[in-house]
Amino acid sequence: MPRYYVNRNAQANGDHEVHVADCIYLPLPKNQYFLGVFDDCSAAVFAAKEVYTQVNGCKTCSSACHTT
C-alpha cells in the first residue's frame, strides 16, 4: 500500500496537496506531513482534511483525487 504525505505549504490557491511517497512533486522532507499508508488517495485526502481545511490530490500522483 502506498505511503501518503501532504505538503505543509499551501499552493497559491490555498490547497495543501496530497502526494504518494514516490511522486516527482513530493515536497522537501521539511515540508512533508506523513499521513499514513492507505489503499487509495481518497482515504489520504480524508486524513489530510483532519489537519488542513483546504486539501487537493496531486494532479500527477493522486489524479483520482485532484479537483480543479
PDB file of N, CA and C in Angstrom:
ATOM      1  N   MET A   1       0.844  -1.183   0.000  1.00  0.00           N
ATOM      2  CA  MET A   1       0.000   0.000   0.000  1.00  0.00           C
ATOM      3  C   MET A   1       0.891   1.249   0.000  1.00  0.00           C
ATOM      4  N   PRO A   2       0.453   2.274  -0.702  1.00  0.00           N
ATOM      5  CA  PRO A   2       1.254   3.497  -0.796  1.00  0.00           C
ATOM      6  C   PRO A   2       1.273   4.311   0.502  1.00  0.00           C
ATOM      7  N   ARG A   3       2.395   4.991   0.689  1.00  0.00           N
ATOM      8  CA  ARG A   3       2.548   5.938   1.802  1.00  0.00           C
ATOM      9  C   ARG A   3       2.204   7.321   1.270  1.00  0.00           C
ATOM     10  N   TYR A   4       1.396   8.069   2.014  1.00  0.00           N
ATOM     11  CA  TYR A   4       0.934   9.383   1.571  1.00  0.00           C
ATOM     12  C   TYR A   4       1.436  10.492   2.483  1.00  0.00           C
ATOM     13  N   TYR A   5       1.688  11.631   1.856  1.00  0.00           N
ATOM     14  CA  TYR A   5       2.133  12.834   2.545  1.00  0.00           C
ATOM     15  C   TYR A   5       1.295  14.007   2.061  1.00  0.00           C
ATOM     16  N   VAL A   6       1.187  15.023   2.910  1.00  0.00           N
ATOM     17  CA  VAL A   6       0.565  16.275   2.482  1.00  0.00           C
ATOM     18  C   VAL A   6       1.622  17.366   2.624  1.00  0.00           C
ATOM     19  N   ASN A   7       1.593  18.286   1.690  1.00  0.00           N
ATOM     20  CA  ASN A   7       2.528  19.407   1.717  1.00  0.00           C
ATOM     21  C   ASN A   7       2.109  20.389   2.804  1.00  0.00           C
ATOM     22  N   ARG A   8       3.030  20.700   3.703  1.00  0.00           N
ATOM     23  CA  ARG A   8       2.755  21.660   4.778  1.00  0.00           C
ATOM     24  C   ARG A   8       2.534  23.067   4.211  1.00  0.00           C
ATOM     25  N   ASN A   9       3.133  23.335   3.067  1.00  0.00           N
ATOM     26  CA  ASN A   9       2.993  24.640   2.419  1.00  0.00           C
ATOM     27  C   ASN A   9       1.841  24.598   1.421  1.00  0.00           C
ATOM     28  N   ALA A  10       0.966  25.560   1.523  1.00  0.00           N
ATOM     29  CA  ALA A  10      -0.170  25.627   0.605  1.00  0.00           C
ATOM     30  C   ALA A  10       0.279  26.145  -0.768  1.00  0.00           C
ATOM     31  N   GLN A  11      -0.432  25.715  -1.798  1.00  0.00           N
ATOM     32  CA  GLN A  11      -0.233  26.255  -3.135  1.00  0.00           C
ATOM     33  C   GLN A  11      -0.756  27.692  -3.153  1.00  0.00           C
ATOM     34  N   ALA A  12      -0.566  28.392  -4.248  1.00  0.00           N
ATOM     35  CA  ALA A  12      -1.017  29.777  -4.374  1.00  0.00           C
ATOM     36  C   ALA A  12      -2.525  29.912  -4.154  1.00  0.00           C
ATOM     37  N   ASN A  13      -3.282  28.863  -4.492  1.00  0.00           N
ATOM     38  CA  ASN A  13      -4.744  28.906  -4.331  1.00  0.00           C
ATOM     39  C   ASN A  13      -5.200  28.449  -2.943  1.00  0.00           C
ATOM     40  N   GLY A  14      -4.259  28.098  -2.081  1.00  0.00           N
ATOM     41  CA  GLY A  14      -4.589  27.686  -0.714  1.00  0.00           C
ATOM     42  C   GLY A  14      -4.653  26.190  -0.492  1.00  0.00           C
ATOM     43  N   ASP A  15      -4.544  25.390  -1.555  1.00  0.00           N
ATOM     44  CA  ASP A  15      -4.599  23.929  -1.427  1.00  0.00           C
ATOM     45  C   ASP A  15      -3.315  23.371  -0.812  1.00  0.00           C
ATOM     46  N   HIS A  16      -3.481  22.398   0.072  1.00  0.00           N
ATOM     47  CA  HIS A  16      -2.374  21.576   0.563  1.00  0.00           C
ATOM     48  C   HIS A  16      -2.478  20.271  -0.216  1.00  0.00           C
ATOM     49  N   GLU A  17      -1.489  19.981  -1.043  1.00  0.00           N
ATOM     50  CA  GLU A  17      -1.562  18.826  -1.935  1.00  0.00           C
ATOM     51  C   GLU A  17      -1.118  17.534  -1.266  1.00  0.00           C
ATOM     52  N   VAL A  18      -1.857  16.474  -1.572  1.00  0.00           N
ATOM     53  CA  VAL A  18      -1.565  15.126  -1.088  1.00  0.00           C
ATOM     54  C   VAL A  18      -0.748  14.400  -2.157  1.00  0.00           C
ATOM     55  N   HIS A  19       0.348  13.768  -1.723  1.00  0.00           N
ATOM     56  CA  HIS A  19       1.264  13.077  -2.634  1.00  0.00           C
ATOM     57  C   HIS A  19       1.555  11.664  -2.147  1.00  0.00           C
ATOM     58  N   VAL A  20       1.871  10.787  -3.103  1.00  0.00           N
ATOM     59  CA  VAL A  20       2.398   9.454  -2.815  1.00  0.00           C
ATOM     60  C   VAL A  20       3.907   9.607  -2.598  1.00  0.00           C
ATOM     61  N   ALA A  21       4.484   8.740  -1.806  1.00  0.00           N
ATOM     62  CA  ALA A  21       5.895   8.846  -1.421  1.00  0.00           C
ATOM     63  C   ALA A  21       6.853   8.922  -2.608  1.00  0.00           C
ATOM     64  N   ASP A  22       6.537   8.299  -3.729  1.00  0.00           N
ATOM     65  CA  ASP A  22       7.463   8.305  -4.863  1.00  0.00           C
ATOM     66  C   ASP A  22       7.110   9.336  -5.940  1.00  0.00           C
ATOM     67  N   CYS A  23       6.273  10.286  -5.615  1.00  0.00           N
ATOM     68  CA  CYS A  23       5.867  11.327  -6.561  1.00  0.00           C
ATOM     69  C   CYS A  23       7.046  12.246  -6.890  1.00  0.00           C
ATOM     70  N   ILE A  24       7.149  12.635  -8.152  1.00  0.00           N
ATOM     71  CA  ILE A  24       8.223  13.546  -8.545  1.00  0.00           C
ATOM     72  C   ILE A  24       8.004  14.947  -7.969  1.00  0.00           C
ATOM     73  N   TYR A  25       6.784  15.249  -7.531  1.00  0.00           N
ATOM     74  CA  TYR A  25       6.472  16.555  -6.950  1.00  0.00           C
ATOM     75  C   TYR A  25       6.372  16.524  -5.423  1.00  0.00           C
ATOM     76  N   LEU A  26       6.804  15.435  -4.820  1.00  0.00           N
ATOM     77  CA  LEU A  26       6.808  15.353  -3.356  1.00  0.00           C
ATOM     78  C   LEU A  26       7.647  16.500  -2.798  1.00  0.00           C
ATOM     79  N   PRO A  27       7.117  17.243  -1.837  1.00  0.00           N
ATOM     80  CA  PRO A  27       7.887  18.368  -1.310  1.00  0.00           C
ATOM     81  C   PRO A  27       9.131  17.918  -0.534  1.00  0.00           C
ATOM     82  N   LEU A  28       9.979  18.874  -0.242  1.00  0.00           N
ATOM     83  CA  LEU A  28      11.166  18.588   0.563  1.00  0.00           C
ATOM     84  C   LEU A  28      10.748  17.984   1.902  1.00  0.00           C
ATOM     85  N   PRO A  29      11.588  17.142   2.488  1.00  0.00           N
ATOM     86  CA  PRO A  29      11.225  16.486   3.752  1.00  0.00           C
ATOM     87  C   PRO A  29      10.719  17.441   4.836  1.00  0.00           C
ATOM     88  N   LYS A  30      11.305  18.630   4.931  1.00  0.00           N
ATOM     89  CA  LYS A  30      10.861  19.569   5.969  1.00  0.00           C
ATOM     90  C   LYS A  30       9.442  20.093   5.725  1.00  0.00           C
ATOM     91  N   ASN A  31       8.955  19.948   4.492  1.00  0.00           N
ATOM     92  CA  ASN A  31       7.613  20.417   4.147  1.00  0.00           C
ATOM     93  C   ASN A  31       6.594  19.285   4.029  1.00  0.00           C
ATOM     94  N   GLN A  32       6.989  18.075   4.381  1.00  0.00           N
ATOM     95  CA  GLN A  32       6.106  16.910   4.304  1.00  0.00           C
ATOM     96  C   GLN A  32       5.462  16.623   5.656  1.00  0.00           C
ATOM     97  N   TYR A  33       4.200  16.281   5.611  1.00  0.00           N
ATOM     98  CA  TYR A  33       3.495  15.789   6.796  1.00  0.00           C
ATOM     99  C   TYR A  33       3.011  14.388   6.442  1.00  0.00           C
ATOM    100  N   PHE A  34       3.524  13.389   7.133  1.00  0.00           N
ATOM    101  CA  PHE A  34       3.159  11.999   6.840  1.00  0.00           C
ATOM    102  C   PHE A  34       1.727  11.735   7.285  1.00  0.00           C
ATOM    103  N   LEU A  35       0.913  11.292   6.341  1.00  0.00           N
ATOM    104  CA  LEU A  35      -0.492  10.998   6.621  1.00  0.00           C
ATOM    105  C   LEU A  35      -0.704   9.556   7.026  1.00  0.00           C
ATOM    106  N   GLY A  36       0.038   8.650   6.407  1.00  0.00           N
ATOM    107  CA  GLY A  36      -0.114   7.237   6.699  1.00  0.00           C
ATOM    108  C   GLY A  36      -0.072   6.405   5.438  1.00  0.00           C
ATOM    109  N   VAL A  37      -0.413   5.139   5.588  1.00  0.00           N
ATOM    110  CA  VAL A  37      -0.440   4.173   4.489  1.00  0.00           C
ATOM    111  C   VAL A  37      -1.907   3.872   4.204  1.00  0.00           C
ATOM    112  N   PHE A  38      -2.313   4.089   2.953  1.00  0.00           N
ATOM    113  CA  PHE A  38      -3.720   3.939   2.584  1.00  0.00           C
ATOM    114  C   PHE A  38      -3.856   3.151   1.289  1.00  0.00           C
ATOM    115  N   ASP A  39      -5.032   2.576   1.105  1.00  0.00           N
ATOM    116  CA  ASP A  39      -5.335   1.860  -0.137  1.00  0.00           C
ATOM    117  C   ASP A  39      -5.423   2.794  -1.333  1.00  0.00           C
ATOM    118  N   ASP A  40      -5.919   4.014  -1.099  1.00  0.00           N
ATOM    119  CA  ASP A  40      -6.129   4.941  -2.204  1.00  0.00           C
ATOM    120  C   ASP A  40      -6.025   6.386  -1.734  1.00  0.00           C
ATOM    121  N   CYS A  41      -6.031   7.290  -2.707  1.00  0.00           N
ATOM    122  CA  CYS A  41      -5.847   8.702  -2.383  1.00  0.00           C
ATOM    123  C   CYS A  41      -7.044   9.303  -1.657  1.00  0.00           C
ATOM    124  N   SER A  42      -8.233   8.773  -1.852  1.00  0.00           N
ATOM    125  CA  SER A  42      -9.399   9.363  -1.177  1.00  0.00           C
ATOM    126  C   SER A  42      -9.283   9.217   0.342  1.00  0.00           C
ATOM    127  N   ALA A  43      -8.759   8.107   0.816  1.00  0.00           N
ATOM    128  CA  ALA A  43      -8.547   7.935   2.250  1.00  0.00           C
ATOM    129  C   ALA A  43      -7.460   8.886   2.743  1.00  0.00           C
ATOM    130  N   ALA A  44      -6.440   9.104   1.934  1.00  0.00           N
ATOM    131  CA  ALA A  44      -5.366  10.018   2.307  1.00  0.00           C
ATOM    132  C   ALA A  44      -5.865  11.465   2.343  1.00  0.00           C
ATOM    133  N   VAL A  45      -6.687  11.849   1.383  1.00  0.00           N
ATOM    134  CA  VAL A  45      -7.255  13.200   1.364  1.00  0.00           C
ATOM    135  C   VAL A  45      -8.141  13.398   2.592  1.00  0.00           C
ATOM    136  N   PHE A  46      -8.917  12.396   2.925  1.00  0.00           N
ATOM    137  CA  PHE A  46      -9.758  12.475   4.123  1.00  0.00           C
ATOM    138  C   PHE A  46      -8.899  12.708   5.365  1.00  0.00           C
ATOM    139  N   ALA A  47      -7.792  11.988   5.469  1.00  0.00           N
ATOM    140  CA  ALA A  47      -6.882  12.157   6.613  1.00  0.00           C
ATOM    141  C   ALA A  47      -6.247  13.546   6.607  1.00  0.00           C
ATOM    142  N   ALA A  48      -5.911  14.050   5.439  1.00  0.00           N
ATOM    143  CA  ALA A  48      -5.304  15.376   5.337  1.00  0.00           C
ATOM    144  C   ALA A  48      -6.273  16.470   5.767  1.00  0.00           C
ATOM    145  N   LYS A  49      -7.567  16.240   5.550  1.00  0.00           N
ATOM    146  CA  LYS A  49      -8.572  17.231   5.947  1.00  0.00           C
ATOM    147  C   LYS A  49      -8.741  17.306   7.462  1.00  0.00           C
ATOM    148  N   GLU A  50      -8.162  16.362   8.170  1.00  0.00           N
ATOM    149  CA  GLU A  50      -8.124  16.441   9.627  1.00  0.00           C
ATOM    150  C   GLU A  50      -7.063  17.446  10.081  1.00  0.00           C
ATOM    151  N   VAL A  51      -6.130  17.747   9.189  1.00  0.00           N
ATOM    152  CA  VAL A  51      -5.022  18.644   9.500  1.00  0.00           C
ATOM    153  C   VAL A  51      -5.222  20.019   8.846  1.00  0.00           C
ATOM    154  N   TYR A  52      -5.651  20.022   7.591  1.00  0.00           N
ATOM    155  CA  TYR A  52      -5.845  21.254   6.820  1.00  0.00           C
ATOM    156  C   TYR A  52      -7.266  21.285   6.261  1.00  0.00           C
ATOM    157  N   THR A  53      -7.837  22.463   6.168  1.00  0.00           N
ATOM    158  CA  THR A  53      -9.212  22.563   5.666  1.00  0.00           C
ATOM    159  C   THR A  53      -9.283  22.516   4.147  1.00  0.00           C
ATOM    160  N   GLN A  54      -8.267  23.020   3.473  1.00  0.00           N
ATOM    161  CA  GLN A  54      -8.273  23.043   2.010  1.00  0.00           C
ATOM    162  C   GLN A  54      -7.222  22.075   1.492  1.00  0.00           C
ATOM    163  N   VAL A  55      -7.678  20.965   0.944  1.00  0.00           N
ATOM    164  CA  VAL A  55      -6.798  19.872   0.516  1.00  0.00           C
ATOM    165  C   VAL A  55      -7.174  19.454  -0.896  1.00  0.00           C
ATOM    166  N   ASN A  56      -6.178  19.023  -1.652  1.00  0.00           N
ATOM    167  CA  ASN A  56      -6.410  18.524  -3.003  1.00  0.00           C
ATOM    168  C   ASN A  56      -5.394  17.429  -3.286  1.00  0.00           C
ATOM    169  N   GLY A  57      -5.754  16.494  -4.144  1.00  0.00           N
ATOM    170  CA  GLY A  57      -4.825  15.466  -4.568  1.00  0.00           C
ATOM    171  C   GLY A  57      -3.893  16.018  -5.631  1.00  0.00           C
ATOM    172  N   CYS A  58      -2.664  15.561  -5.631  1.00  0.00           N
ATOM    173  CA  CYS A  58      -1.702  15.945  -6.654  1.00  0.00           C
ATOM    174  C   CYS A  58      -2.192  15.479  -8.015  1.00  0.00           C
ATOM    175  N   LYS A  59      -2.108  16.346  -9.005  1.00  0.00           N
ATOM    176  CA  LYS A  59      -2.571  16.012 -10.354  1.00  0.00           C
ATOM    177  C   LYS A  59      -1.781  14.847 -10.948  1.00  0.00           C
ATOM    178  N   THR A  60      -0.521  14.696 -10.529  1.00  0.00           N
ATOM    179  CA  THR A  60       0.340  13.660 -11.086  1.00  0.00           C
ATOM    180  C   THR A  60       0.189  12.313 -10.388  1.00  0.00           C
ATOM    181  N   CYS A  61       0.302  12.289  -9.071  1.00  0.00           N
ATOM    182  CA  CYS A  61       0.342  11.006  -8.358  1.00  0.00           C
ATOM    183  C   CYS A  61      -0.986  10.631  -7.699  1.00  0.00           C
ATOM    184  N   SER A  62      -1.885  11.584  -7.542  1.00  0.00           N
ATOM    185  CA  SER A  62      -3.186  11.321  -6.909  1.00  0.00           C
ATOM    186  C   SER A  62      -4.295  11.915  -7.774  1.00  0.00           C
ATOM    187  N   SER A  63      -4.208  11.665  -9.061  1.00  0.00           N
ATOM    188  CA  SER A  63      -5.107  12.302 -10.030  1.00  0.00           C
ATOM    189  C   SER A  63      -6.568  11.978  -9.790  1.00  0.00           C
ATOM    190  N   ALA A  64      -6.874  10.814  -9.235  1.00  0.00           N
ATOM    191  CA  ALA A  64      -8.260  10.455  -8.957  1.00  0.00           C
ATOM    192  C   ALA A  64      -8.869  11.376  -7.892  1.00  0.00           C
ATOM    193  N   CYS A  65      -8.024  12.021  -7.118  1.00  0.00           N
ATOM    194  CA  CYS A  65      -8.480  12.913  -6.042  1.00  0.00           C
ATOM    195  C   CYS A  65      -8.193  14.374  -6.336  1.00  0.00           C
ATOM    196  N   HIS A  66      -7.737  14.664  -7.535  1.00  0.00           N
ATOM    197  CA  HIS A  66      -7.418  16.044  -7.917  1.00  0.00           C
ATOM    198  C   HIS A  66      -8.680  16.721  -8.464  1.00  0.00           C
ATOM    199  N   THR A  67      -8.962  17.880  -7.920  1.00  0.00           N
ATOM    200  CA  THR A  67     -10.076  18.680  -8.427  1.00  0.00           C
ATOM    201  C   THR A  67      -9.528  19.993  -8.954  1.00  0.00           C
ATOM    202  N   THR A  68     -10.206  20.573  -9.900  1.00  0.00           N
ATOM    203  CA  THR A  68      -9.730  21.836 -10.492  1.00  0.00           C
ATOM    204  C   THR A  68     -10.361  23.017  -9.831  1.00  0.00           C
TER     205      THR A  68
END
